[in-house]
Full PDB file with SEQRES, HELIX, SHEET, SSBOND, CRYST1, ORIGX, SCALE, CONECT and MASTER records, all heavy atoms in Angstrom:
SEQRES   1 A   40  VAL SER VAL GLN MET GLU VAL TRP PRO SER GLY ARG PHE          
SEQRES   2 A   40  THR TYR ARG TYR ASP LEU SER ARG LEU ASP VAL GLU GLU          
SEQRES   3 A   40  VAL THR ASN VAL LEU VAL GLY ALA CYS LEU GLY GLY LEU          
SEQRES   4 A   40  GLU                                                          
SHEET    1 AA1 2 SER A   2  VAL A   7  0                                        
SHEET    2 AA1 2 PHE A  13  ASP A  18 -1                                        
CRYST1    1.000    1.000    1.000  90.00  90.00  90.00 P 1           1          
ORIGX1      1.000000  0.000000  0.000000        0.00000                         
ORIGX2      0.000000  1.000000  0.000000        0.00000                         
ORIGX3      0.000000  0.000000  1.000000        0.00000                         
SCALE1      1.000000  0.000000  0.000000        0.00000                         
SCALE2      0.000000  1.000000  0.000000        0.00000                         
SCALE3      0.000000  0.000000  1.000000        0.00000                         
ATOM      1  N   VAL A   1     -33.497  -9.788  -2.848  1.00  0.00           N  
ATOM      2  CA  VAL A   1     -32.854  -8.570  -2.100  1.00  0.00           C  
ATOM      3  C   VAL A   1     -32.849  -7.450  -3.132  1.00  0.00           C  
ATOM      4  O   VAL A   1     -32.862  -7.804  -4.443  1.00  0.00           O  
ATOM      5  CB  VAL A   1     -31.550  -8.972  -1.607  1.00  0.00           C  
ATOM      6  CG1 VAL A   1     -31.540  -9.951  -0.572  1.00  0.00           C  
ATOM      7  CG2 VAL A   1     -30.541  -9.270  -2.744  1.00  0.00           C  
ATOM      8  N   SER A   2     -32.754  -6.228  -2.765  1.00  0.00           N  
ATOM      9  CA  SER A   2     -32.529  -5.162  -3.681  1.00  0.00           C  
ATOM     10  C   SER A   2     -31.322  -4.379  -3.134  1.00  0.00           C  
ATOM     11  O   SER A   2     -31.218  -3.999  -2.040  1.00  0.00           O  
ATOM     12  CB  SER A   2     -33.780  -4.134  -3.745  1.00  0.00           C  
ATOM     13  OG  SER A   2     -34.832  -4.886  -4.413  1.00  0.00           O  
ATOM     14  N   VAL A   3     -30.456  -3.945  -4.320  1.00  0.00           N  
ATOM     15  CA  VAL A   3     -29.121  -3.268  -3.965  1.00  0.00           C  
ATOM     16  C   VAL A   3     -29.019  -2.193  -4.868  1.00  0.00           C  
ATOM     17  O   VAL A   3     -29.382  -2.235  -6.070  1.00  0.00           O  
ATOM     18  CB  VAL A   3     -27.868  -4.215  -4.035  1.00  0.00           C  
ATOM     19  CG1 VAL A   3     -26.724  -3.471  -3.673  1.00  0.00           C  
ATOM     20  CG2 VAL A   3     -28.209  -5.421  -3.065  1.00  0.00           C  
ATOM     21  N   GLN A   4     -28.573  -1.084  -4.361  1.00  0.00           N  
ATOM     22  CA  GLN A   4     -28.339   0.174  -5.360  1.00  0.00           C  
ATOM     23  C   GLN A   4     -26.973   0.696  -4.950  1.00  0.00           C  
ATOM     24  O   GLN A   4     -26.581   0.898  -3.837  1.00  0.00           O  
ATOM     25  CB  GLN A   4     -29.427   1.121  -5.153  1.00  0.00           C  
ATOM     26  CG  GLN A   4     -29.288   2.396  -6.105  1.00  0.00           C  
ATOM     27  CD  GLN A   4     -30.436   3.361  -5.989  1.00  0.00           C  
ATOM     28  OE1 GLN A   4     -30.409   4.207  -5.146  1.00  0.00           O  
ATOM     29  NE2 GLN A   4     -31.513   3.143  -6.854  1.00  0.00           N  
ATOM     30  N   MET A   5     -26.338   1.166  -5.981  1.00  0.00           N  
ATOM     31  CA  MET A   5     -25.027   1.975  -5.868  1.00  0.00           C  
ATOM     32  C   MET A   5     -25.213   3.288  -6.512  1.00  0.00           C  
ATOM     33  O   MET A   5     -25.697   3.393  -7.772  1.00  0.00           O  
ATOM     34  CB  MET A   5     -23.801   1.243  -6.540  1.00  0.00           C  
ATOM     35  CG  MET A   5     -22.654   2.135  -6.540  1.00  0.00           C  
ATOM     36  SD  MET A   5     -21.286   1.103  -7.301  1.00  0.00           S  
ATOM     37  CE  MET A   5     -20.002   2.403  -7.424  1.00  0.00           C  
ATOM     38  N   GLU A   6     -25.072   4.436  -5.908  1.00  0.00           N  
ATOM     39  CA  GLU A   6     -25.185   5.720  -6.398  1.00  0.00           C  
ATOM     40  C   GLU A   6     -23.904   6.344  -6.359  1.00  0.00           C  
ATOM     41  O   GLU A   6     -23.203   6.384  -5.349  1.00  0.00           O  
ATOM     42  CB  GLU A   6     -26.270   6.603  -5.702  1.00  0.00           C  
ATOM     43  CG  GLU A   6     -26.434   7.903  -6.407  1.00  0.00           C  
ATOM     44  CD  GLU A   6     -27.777   8.609  -5.889  1.00  0.00           C  
ATOM     45  OE1 GLU A   6     -28.366   8.223  -4.910  1.00  0.00           O  
ATOM     46  OE2 GLU A   6     -28.164   9.511  -6.589  1.00  0.00           O  
ATOM     47  N   VAL A   7     -23.473   6.921  -7.492  1.00  0.00           N  
ATOM     48  CA  VAL A   7     -22.146   7.582  -7.554  1.00  0.00           C  
ATOM     49  C   VAL A   7     -22.252   9.107  -7.999  1.00  0.00           C  
ATOM     50  O   VAL A   7     -23.030   9.359  -8.972  1.00  0.00           O  
ATOM     51  CB  VAL A   7     -21.286   6.776  -8.732  1.00  0.00           C  
ATOM     52  CG1 VAL A   7     -19.853   7.293  -8.647  1.00  0.00           C  
ATOM     53  CG2 VAL A   7     -21.358   5.310  -8.533  1.00  0.00           C  
ATOM     54  N   TRP A   8     -21.496   9.948  -7.290  1.00  0.00           N  
ATOM     55  CA  TRP A   8     -21.432  11.420  -7.633  1.00  0.00           C  
ATOM     56  C   TRP A   8     -20.188  11.575  -8.552  1.00  0.00           C  
ATOM     57  O   TRP A   8     -19.218  10.933  -8.353  1.00  0.00           O  
ATOM     58  CB  TRP A   8     -21.402  12.129  -6.436  1.00  0.00           C  
ATOM     59  CG  TRP A   8     -22.655  12.281  -5.666  1.00  0.00           C  
ATOM     60  CD1 TRP A   8     -23.440  13.382  -5.579  1.00  0.00           C  
ATOM     61  CD2 TRP A   8     -23.365  11.313  -4.849  1.00  0.00           C  
ATOM     62  NE1 TRP A   8     -24.480  13.334  -4.799  1.00  0.00           N  
ATOM     63  CE2 TRP A   8     -24.558  12.039  -4.443  1.00  0.00           C  
ATOM     64  CE3 TRP A   8     -23.136   9.960  -4.562  1.00  0.00           C  
ATOM     65  CZ2 TRP A   8     -25.469  11.310  -3.606  1.00  0.00           C  
ATOM     66  CZ3 TRP A   8     -24.081   9.468  -3.772  1.00  0.00           C  
ATOM     67  CH2 TRP A   8     -25.245   9.891  -3.326  1.00  0.00           C  
ATOM     68  N   PRO A   9     -20.338  12.580  -9.377  1.00  0.00           N  
ATOM     69  CA  PRO A   9     -19.056  12.859 -10.245  1.00  0.00           C  
ATOM     70  C   PRO A   9     -17.866  13.223  -9.508  1.00  0.00           C  
ATOM     71  O   PRO A   9     -16.668  13.107  -9.927  1.00  0.00           O  
ATOM     72  CB  PRO A   9     -19.621  14.104 -10.972  1.00  0.00           C  
ATOM     73  CG  PRO A   9     -21.071  14.049 -11.104  1.00  0.00           C  
ATOM     74  CD  PRO A   9     -21.579  13.427  -9.806  1.00  0.00           C  
ATOM     75  N   SER A  10     -18.048  13.674  -8.236  1.00  0.00           N  
ATOM     76  CA  SER A  10     -16.872  13.979  -7.373  1.00  0.00           C  
ATOM     77  C   SER A  10     -16.154  12.762  -6.873  1.00  0.00           C  
ATOM     78  O   SER A  10     -14.985  12.807  -6.326  1.00  0.00           O  
ATOM     79  CB  SER A  10     -17.343  14.733  -6.245  1.00  0.00           C  
ATOM     80  OG  SER A  10     -18.176  14.020  -5.261  1.00  0.00           O  
ATOM     81  N   GLY A  11     -16.686  11.541  -7.000  1.00  0.00           N  
ATOM     82  CA  GLY A  11     -16.044  10.301  -6.474  1.00  0.00           C  
ATOM     83  C   GLY A  11     -16.759   9.788  -5.255  1.00  0.00           C  
ATOM     84  O   GLY A  11     -16.401   8.806  -4.742  1.00  0.00           O  
ATOM     85  N   ARG A  12     -17.664  10.566  -4.819  1.00  0.00           N  
ATOM     86  CA  ARG A  12     -18.519  10.108  -3.619  1.00  0.00           C  
ATOM     87  C   ARG A  12     -19.459   8.896  -3.992  1.00  0.00           C  
ATOM     88  O   ARG A  12     -19.927   8.908  -5.052  1.00  0.00           O  
ATOM     89  CB  ARG A  12     -19.320  11.132  -3.052  1.00  0.00           C  
ATOM     90  CG  ARG A  12     -20.452  10.914  -2.063  1.00  0.00           C  
ATOM     91  CD  ARG A  12     -21.132  12.233  -1.746  1.00  0.00           C  
ATOM     92  NE  ARG A  12     -22.385  12.015  -0.903  1.00  0.00           N  
ATOM     93  CZ  ARG A  12     -23.212  12.897  -0.603  1.00  0.00           C  
ATOM     94  NH1 ARG A  12     -23.054  14.118  -0.980  1.00  0.00           N  
ATOM     95  NH2 ARG A  12     -24.280  12.647   0.140  1.00  0.00           N  
ATOM     96  N   PHE A  13     -19.580   7.927  -3.245  1.00  0.00           N  
ATOM     97  CA  PHE A  13     -20.580   6.827  -3.694  1.00  0.00           C  
ATOM     98  C   PHE A  13     -21.216   6.192  -2.390  1.00  0.00           C  
ATOM     99  O   PHE A  13     -20.726   6.179  -1.324  1.00  0.00           O  
ATOM    100  CB  PHE A  13     -19.750   5.667  -4.398  1.00  0.00           C  
ATOM    101  CG  PHE A  13     -18.690   5.118  -3.707  1.00  0.00           C  
ATOM    102  CD1 PHE A  13     -18.858   3.850  -3.073  1.00  0.00           C  
ATOM    103  CD2 PHE A  13     -17.479   5.754  -3.646  1.00  0.00           C  
ATOM    104  CE1 PHE A  13     -17.644   3.241  -2.481  1.00  0.00           C  
ATOM    105  CE2 PHE A  13     -16.403   5.041  -2.956  1.00  0.00           C  
ATOM    106  CZ  PHE A  13     -16.467   3.862  -2.400  1.00  0.00           C  
ATOM    107  N   THR A  14     -22.521   5.820  -2.700  1.00  0.00           N  
ATOM    108  CA  THR A  14     -23.292   5.331  -1.529  1.00  0.00           C  
ATOM    109  C   THR A  14     -23.942   3.979  -2.050  1.00  0.00           C  
ATOM    110  O   THR A  14     -24.302   3.715  -3.135  1.00  0.00           O  
ATOM    111  CB  THR A  14     -24.420   6.238  -1.183  1.00  0.00           C  
ATOM    112  OG1 THR A  14     -23.876   7.402  -0.527  1.00  0.00           O  
ATOM    113  CG2 THR A  14     -25.292   5.586  -0.177  1.00  0.00           C  
ATOM    114  N   TYR A  15     -23.957   2.911  -1.163  1.00  0.00           N  
ATOM    115  CA  TYR A  15     -24.608   1.705  -1.318  1.00  0.00           C  
ATOM    116  C   TYR A  15     -25.912   1.683  -0.500  1.00  0.00           C  
ATOM    117  O   TYR A  15     -25.953   2.096   0.608  1.00  0.00           O  
ATOM    118  CB  TYR A  15     -23.822   0.480  -0.835  1.00  0.00           C  
ATOM    119  CG  TYR A  15     -22.403   0.361  -1.598  1.00  0.00           C  
ATOM    120  CD1 TYR A  15     -21.410  -0.288  -0.897  1.00  0.00           C  
ATOM    121  CD2 TYR A  15     -22.095   0.886  -2.788  1.00  0.00           C  
ATOM    122  CE1 TYR A  15     -20.212  -0.450  -1.451  1.00  0.00           C  
ATOM    123  CE2 TYR A  15     -20.921   0.742  -3.420  1.00  0.00           C  
ATOM    124  CZ  TYR A  15     -19.996   0.051  -2.797  1.00  0.00           C  
ATOM    125  OH  TYR A  15     -18.693   0.016  -3.347  1.00  0.00           O  
ATOM    126  N   ARG A  16     -27.019   1.228  -1.098  1.00  0.00           N  
ATOM    127  CA  ARG A  16     -28.225   1.119  -0.359  1.00  0.00           C  
ATOM    128  C   ARG A  16     -28.828  -0.340  -0.554  1.00  0.00           C  
ATOM    129  O   ARG A  16     -28.589  -0.975  -1.491  1.00  0.00           O  
ATOM    130  CB  ARG A  16     -29.278   2.105  -0.997  1.00  0.00           C  
ATOM    131  CG  ARG A  16     -28.874   3.619  -0.926  1.00  0.00           C  
ATOM    132  CD  ARG A  16     -29.989   4.644  -1.301  1.00  0.00           C  
ATOM    133  NE  ARG A  16     -29.420   5.923  -1.292  1.00  0.00           N  
ATOM    134  CZ  ARG A  16     -29.055   6.630  -2.336  1.00  0.00           C  
ATOM    135  NH1 ARG A  16     -29.114   6.156  -3.589  1.00  0.00           N  
ATOM    136  NH2 ARG A  16     -28.584   7.746  -2.204  1.00  0.00           N  
ATOM    137  N   TYR A  17     -29.661  -0.730   0.427  1.00  0.00           N  
ATOM    138  CA  TYR A  17     -30.082  -2.146   0.503  1.00  0.00           C  
ATOM    139  C   TYR A  17     -31.519  -2.207   0.960  1.00  0.00           C  
ATOM    140  O   TYR A  17     -31.924  -1.425   1.878  1.00  0.00           O  
ATOM    141  CB  TYR A  17     -29.198  -2.924   1.609  1.00  0.00           C  
ATOM    142  CG  TYR A  17     -27.745  -2.862   1.299  1.00  0.00           C  
ATOM    143  CD1 TYR A  17     -26.883  -1.831   1.944  1.00  0.00           C  
ATOM    144  CD2 TYR A  17     -27.168  -3.701   0.310  1.00  0.00           C  
ATOM    145  CE1 TYR A  17     -25.540  -1.775   1.656  1.00  0.00           C  
ATOM    146  CE2 TYR A  17     -25.765  -3.672   0.117  1.00  0.00           C  
ATOM    147  CZ  TYR A  17     -24.960  -2.690   0.729  1.00  0.00           C  
ATOM    148  OH  TYR A  17     -23.612  -2.630   0.394  1.00  0.00           O  
ATOM    149  N   ASP A  18     -32.137  -3.240   0.493  1.00  0.00           N  
ATOM    150  CA  ASP A  18     -33.361  -3.630   1.158  1.00  0.00           C  
ATOM    151  C   ASP A  18     -33.167  -5.341   1.333  1.00  0.00           C  
ATOM    152  O   ASP A  18     -33.336  -6.085   0.360  1.00  0.00           O  
ATOM    153  CB  ASP A  18     -34.627  -3.583   0.249  1.00  0.00           C  
ATOM    154  CG  ASP A  18     -35.814  -4.248   0.884  1.00  0.00           C  
ATOM    155  OD1 ASP A  18     -35.815  -4.571   2.089  1.00  0.00           O  
ATOM    156  OD2 ASP A  18     -36.939  -4.153   0.212  1.00  0.00           O  
ATOM    157  N   LEU A  19     -32.779  -5.766   2.551  1.00  0.00           N  
ATOM    158  CA  LEU A  19     -32.560  -7.096   2.846  1.00  0.00           C  
ATOM    159  C   LEU A  19     -33.569  -7.601   3.852  1.00  0.00           C  
ATOM    160  O   LEU A  19     -33.403  -8.609   4.471  1.00  0.00           O  
ATOM    161  CB  LEU A  19     -31.155  -7.186   3.524  1.00  0.00           C  
ATOM    162  CG  LEU A  19     -29.959  -6.512   2.800  1.00  0.00           C  
ATOM    163  CD1 LEU A  19     -28.607  -6.789   3.551  1.00  0.00           C  
ATOM    164  CD2 LEU A  19     -29.764  -7.135   1.379  1.00  0.00           C  
ATOM    165  N   SER A  20     -34.691  -6.853   3.944  1.00  0.00           N  
ATOM    166  CA  SER A  20     -35.707  -7.127   4.912  1.00  0.00           C  
ATOM    167  C   SER A  20     -36.594  -8.505   4.727  1.00  0.00           C  
ATOM    168  O   SER A  20     -37.062  -9.032   5.655  1.00  0.00           O  
ATOM    169  CB  SER A  20     -36.803  -6.045   4.852  1.00  0.00           C  
ATOM    170  OG  SER A  20     -37.436  -5.979   3.653  1.00  0.00           O  
ATOM    171  N   ARG A  21     -36.358  -8.963   3.536  1.00  0.00           N  
ATOM    172  CA  ARG A  21     -37.009 -10.356   3.358  1.00  0.00           C  
ATOM    173  C   ARG A  21     -36.159 -11.508   3.655  1.00  0.00           C  
ATOM    174  O   ARG A  21     -36.607 -12.674   3.426  1.00  0.00           O  
ATOM    175  CB  ARG A  21     -37.682 -10.330   1.920  1.00  0.00           C  
ATOM    176  CG  ARG A  21     -38.716  -9.433   1.783  1.00  0.00           C  
ATOM    177  CD  ARG A  21     -39.072  -9.130   0.301  1.00  0.00           C  
ATOM    178  NE  ARG A  21     -38.035  -8.407  -0.434  1.00  0.00           N  
ATOM    179  CZ  ARG A  21     -38.141  -7.936  -1.790  1.00  0.00           C  
ATOM    180  NH1 ARG A  21     -39.050  -8.406  -2.388  1.00  0.00           N  
ATOM    181  NH2 ARG A  21     -37.171  -7.279  -2.141  1.00  0.00           N  
ATOM    182  N   LEU A  22     -34.931 -11.260   4.004  1.00  0.00           N  
ATOM    183  CA  LEU A  22     -34.186 -12.415   4.338  1.00  0.00           C  
ATOM    184  C   LEU A  22     -34.438 -12.918   5.905  1.00  0.00           C  
ATOM    185  O   LEU A  22     -34.563 -12.090   6.709  1.00  0.00           O  
ATOM    186  CB  LEU A  22     -32.601 -12.012   4.276  1.00  0.00           C  
ATOM    187  CG  LEU A  22     -32.161 -11.684   2.913  1.00  0.00           C  
ATOM    188  CD1 LEU A  22     -30.809 -11.259   2.915  1.00  0.00           C  
ATOM    189  CD2 LEU A  22     -32.423 -12.639   1.834  1.00  0.00           C  
ATOM    190  N   ASP A  23     -34.583 -14.237   5.991  1.00  0.00           N  
ATOM    191  CA  ASP A  23     -34.793 -14.747   7.369  1.00  0.00           C  
ATOM    192  C   ASP A  23     -33.554 -14.948   8.221  1.00  0.00           C  
ATOM    193  O   ASP A  23     -33.302 -16.163   8.725  1.00  0.00           O  
ATOM    194  CB  ASP A  23     -35.742 -16.069   7.177  1.00  0.00           C  
ATOM    195  CG  ASP A  23     -36.302 -16.402   8.550  1.00  0.00           C  
ATOM    196  OD1 ASP A  23     -36.276 -15.660   9.508  1.00  0.00           O  
ATOM    197  OD2 ASP A  23     -36.480 -17.797   8.660  1.00  0.00           O  
ATOM    198  N   VAL A  24     -32.707 -14.063   8.252  1.00  0.00           N  
ATOM    199  CA  VAL A  24     -31.341 -14.145   8.994  1.00  0.00           C  
ATOM    200  C   VAL A  24     -31.022 -12.726   9.575  1.00  0.00           C  
ATOM    201  O   VAL A  24     -31.680 -11.698   9.105  1.00  0.00           O  
ATOM    202  CB  VAL A  24     -30.202 -14.496   8.001  1.00  0.00           C  
ATOM    203  CG1 VAL A  24     -30.390 -15.875   7.418  1.00  0.00           C  
ATOM    204  CG2 VAL A  24     -30.048 -13.471   6.863  1.00  0.00           C  
ATOM    205  N   GLU A  25     -30.270 -12.843  10.605  1.00  0.00           N  
ATOM    206  CA  GLU A  25     -29.902 -11.583  11.179  1.00  0.00           C  
ATOM    207  C   GLU A  25     -28.595 -10.945  10.630  1.00  0.00           C  
ATOM    208  O   GLU A  25     -28.350  -9.799  10.740  1.00  0.00           O  
ATOM    209  CB  GLU A  25     -29.632 -11.721  12.750  1.00  0.00           C  
ATOM    210  CG  GLU A  25     -30.970 -12.070  13.418  1.00  0.00           C  
ATOM    211  CD  GLU A  25     -30.724 -12.151  15.025  1.00  0.00           C  
ATOM    212  OE1 GLU A  25     -29.426 -12.029  15.375  1.00  0.00           O  
ATOM    213  OE2 GLU A  25     -31.694 -12.281  15.611  1.00  0.00           O  
ATOM    214  N   GLU A  26     -27.834 -11.870   9.885  1.00  0.00           N  
ATOM    215  CA  GLU A  26     -26.532 -11.411   9.385  1.00  0.00           C  
ATOM    216  C   GLU A  26     -26.428 -12.236   8.031  1.00  0.00           C  
ATOM    217  O   GLU A  26     -26.467 -13.397   7.933  1.00  0.00           O  
ATOM    218  CB  GLU A  26     -25.409 -11.622  10.309  1.00  0.00           C  
ATOM    219  CG  GLU A  26     -24.060 -11.112   9.771  1.00  0.00           C  
ATOM    220  CD  GLU A  26     -22.910 -11.335  10.806  1.00  0.00           C  
ATOM    221  OE1 GLU A  26     -23.051 -12.151  11.673  1.00  0.00           O  
ATOM    222  OE2 GLU A  26     -22.034 -10.499  10.727  1.00  0.00           O  
ATOM    223  N   VAL A  27     -25.837 -11.448   6.878  1.00  0.00           N  
ATOM    224  CA  VAL A  27     -25.639 -12.104   5.664  1.00  0.00           C  
ATOM    225  C   VAL A  27     -24.058 -12.251   5.610  1.00  0.00           C  
ATOM    226  O   VAL A  27     -23.306 -11.322   5.732  1.00  0.00           O  
ATOM    227  CB  VAL A  27     -26.083 -11.208   4.469  1.00  0.00           C  
ATOM    228  CG1 VAL A  27     -25.692 -11.856   3.184  1.00  0.00           C  
ATOM    229  CG2 VAL A  27     -27.477 -10.828   4.618  1.00  0.00           C  
ATOM    230  N   THR A  28     -23.663 -13.500   5.503  1.00  0.00           N  
ATOM    231  CA  THR A  28     -22.123 -13.768   5.613  1.00  0.00           C  
ATOM    232  C   THR A  28     -21.525 -14.083   4.257  1.00  0.00           C  
ATOM    233  O   THR A  28     -20.440 -14.096   4.142  1.00  0.00           O  
ATOM    234  CB  THR A  28     -21.983 -14.832   6.570  1.00  0.00           C  
ATOM    235  OG1 THR A  28     -22.713 -16.111   6.116  1.00  0.00           O  
ATOM    236  CG2 THR A  28     -22.379 -14.518   8.011  1.00  0.00           C  
ATOM    237  N   ASN A  29     -22.329 -14.574   3.280  1.00  0.00           N  
ATOM    238  CA  ASN A  29     -21.730 -14.989   1.977  1.00  0.00           C  
ATOM    239  C   ASN A  29     -21.813 -13.811   1.025  1.00  0.00           C  
ATOM    240  O   ASN A  29     -22.437 -13.953  -0.028  1.00  0.00           O  
ATOM    241  CB  ASN A  29     -22.595 -16.163   1.403  1.00  0.00           C  
ATOM    242  CG  ASN A  29     -24.030 -15.929   1.523  1.00  0.00           C  
ATOM    243  OD1 ASN A  29     -24.587 -14.946   2.034  1.00  0.00           O  
ATOM    244  ND2 ASN A  29     -24.755 -16.811   0.762  1.00  0.00           N  
ATOM    245  N   VAL A  30     -21.131 -12.722   1.376  1.00  0.00           N  
ATOM    246  CA  VAL A  30     -21.184 -11.625   0.602  1.00  0.00           C  
ATOM    247  C   VAL A  30     -19.914 -10.762   0.771  1.00  0.00           C  
ATOM    248  O   VAL A  30     -19.258 -10.876   1.751  1.00  0.00           O  
ATOM    249  CB  VAL A  30     -22.355 -10.678   0.955  1.00  0.00           C  
ATOM    250  CG1 VAL A  30     -22.397 -10.246   2.370  1.00  0.00           C  
ATOM    251  CG2 VAL A  30     -22.657  -9.472   0.064  1.00  0.00           C  
ATOM    252  N   LEU A  31     -19.550 -10.027  -0.313  1.00  0.00           N  
ATOM    253  CA  LEU A  31     -18.324  -9.152  -0.249  1.00  0.00           C  
ATOM    254  C   LEU A  31     -18.985  -7.761  -0.586  1.00  0.00           C  
ATOM    255  O   LEU A  31     -19.554  -7.509  -1.575  1.00  0.00           O  
ATOM    256  CB  LEU A  31     -17.325  -9.532  -1.391  1.00  0.00           C  
ATOM    257  CG  LEU A  31     -16.149  -8.566  -1.474  1.00  0.00           C  
ATOM    258  CD1 LEU A  31     -15.300  -8.602  -0.226  1.00  0.00           C  
ATOM    259  CD2 LEU A  31     -15.235  -8.987  -2.790  1.00  0.00           C  
ATOM    260  N   VAL A  32     -18.680  -6.869   0.423  1.00  0.00           N  
ATOM    261  CA  VAL A  32     -19.051  -5.530   0.281  1.00  0.00           C  
ATOM    262  C   VAL A  32     -17.875  -4.719   0.496  1.00  0.00           C  
ATOM    263  O   VAL A  32     -17.116  -4.772   1.452  1.00  0.00           O  
ATOM    264  CB  VAL A  32     -20.047  -5.198   1.328  1.00  0.00           C  
ATOM    265  CG1 VAL A  32     -20.489  -3.683   1.461  1.00  0.00           C  
ATOM    266  CG2 VAL A  32     -21.393  -5.999   1.031  1.00  0.00           C  
ATOM    267  N   GLY A  33     -17.645  -3.617  -0.384  1.00  0.00           N  
ATOM    268  CA  GLY A  33     -16.589  -2.607  -0.143  1.00  0.00           C  
ATOM    269  C   GLY A  33     -16.268  -2.096  -1.497  1.00  0.00           C  
ATOM    270  O   GLY A  33     -16.874  -1.903  -2.412  1.00  0.00           O  
ATOM    271  N   ALA A  34     -15.030  -1.581  -1.485  1.00  0.00           N  
ATOM    272  CA  ALA A  34     -14.310  -1.005  -2.672  1.00  0.00           C  
ATOM    273  C   ALA A  34     -12.761  -1.008  -2.712  1.00  0.00           C  
ATOM    274  O   ALA A  34     -12.330  -1.180  -1.573  1.00  0.00           O  
ATOM    275  CB  ALA A  34     -14.796   0.545  -2.866  1.00  0.00           C  
ATOM    276  N   CYS A  35     -12.285  -0.881  -3.748  1.00  0.00           N  
ATOM    277  CA  CYS A  35     -10.656  -0.996  -3.835  1.00  0.00           C  
ATOM    278  C   CYS A  35     -10.238   0.140  -4.865  1.00  0.00           C  
ATOM    279  O   CYS A  35     -10.913   0.313  -6.029  1.00  0.00           O  
ATOM    280  CB  CYS A  35     -10.402  -2.334  -4.374  1.00  0.00           C  
ATOM    281  SG  CYS A  35      -8.583  -2.517  -4.723  1.00  0.00           S  
ATOM    282  N   LEU A  36      -9.157   0.811  -4.478  1.00  0.00           N  
ATOM    283  CA  LEU A  36      -8.575   1.737  -5.408  1.00  0.00           C  
ATOM    284  C   LEU A  36      -6.977   1.821  -5.144  1.00  0.00           C  
ATOM    285  O   LEU A  36      -6.524   1.774  -4.073  1.00  0.00           O  
ATOM    286  CB  LEU A  36      -9.020   3.191  -5.103  1.00  0.00           C  
ATOM    287  CG  LEU A  36      -8.280   4.373  -5.848  1.00  0.00           C  
ATOM    288  CD1 LEU A  36      -8.421   4.133  -7.302  1.00  0.00           C  
ATOM    289  CD2 LEU A  36      -8.855   5.730  -5.433  1.00  0.00           C  
ATOM    290  N   GLY A  37      -6.361   1.536  -6.202  1.00  0.00           N  
ATOM    291  CA  GLY A  37      -4.902   1.529  -6.250  1.00  0.00           C  
ATOM    292  C   GLY A  37      -4.359   0.421  -5.447  1.00  0.00           C  
ATOM    293  O   GLY A  37      -3.201   0.393  -4.791  1.00  0.00           O  
ATOM    294  N   GLY A  38      -4.982  -0.709  -5.557  1.00  0.00           N  
ATOM    295  CA  GLY A  38      -4.556  -1.923  -4.773  1.00  0.00           C  
ATOM    296  C   GLY A  38      -4.965  -1.819  -3.160  1.00  0.00           C  
ATOM    297  O   GLY A  38      -4.732  -2.843  -2.443  1.00  0.00           O  
ATOM    298  N   LEU A  39      -5.528  -0.766  -2.739  1.00  0.00           N  
ATOM    299  CA  LEU A  39      -5.799  -0.625  -1.392  1.00  0.00           C  
ATOM    300  C   LEU A  39      -7.346  -0.720  -1.182  1.00  0.00           C  
ATOM    301  O   LEU A  39      -8.066  -0.007  -2.027  1.00  0.00           O  
ATOM    302  CB  LEU A  39      -5.350   0.774  -0.830  1.00  0.00           C  
ATOM    303  CG  LEU A  39      -3.782   0.906  -0.902  1.00  0.00           C  
ATOM    304  CD1 LEU A  39      -3.359   2.297  -0.619  1.00  0.00           C  
ATOM    305  CD2 LEU A  39      -3.197  -0.025   0.278  1.00  0.00           C  
ATOM    306  N   GLU A  40      -7.814  -1.303  -0.306  1.00  0.00           N  
ATOM    307  CA  GLU A  40      -9.305  -1.667  -0.155  1.00  0.00           C  
ATOM    308  C   GLU A  40      -9.853  -1.391   1.204  1.00  0.00           C  
ATOM    309  O   GLU A  40      -9.160  -1.694   2.209  1.00  0.00           O  
ATOM    310  CB  GLU A  40      -9.544  -2.963  -0.730  1.00  0.00           C  
ATOM    311  CG  GLU A  40      -9.032  -4.147  -0.007  1.00  0.00           C  
ATOM    312  CD  GLU A  40      -9.178  -5.456  -0.587  1.00  0.00           C  
ATOM    313  OE1 GLU A  40      -9.283  -5.609  -1.853  1.00  0.00           O  
ATOM    314  OE2 GLU A  40      -9.300  -6.449   0.141  1.00  0.00           O  
TER     315      GLU A  40                                                      
MASTER        0    0    0    0    2    0    0    6  314    1    0    4          
END                                                                             
């Protein structure tokens, strides 16, 4: 798999993925997201 995180100086951020080679419809063993100040 390939994963990219792009961050802007303003605090904007984007995650990008290439999961096309996985032989599944859903990936379940993964944590995706973000946390700030204890809130996520």
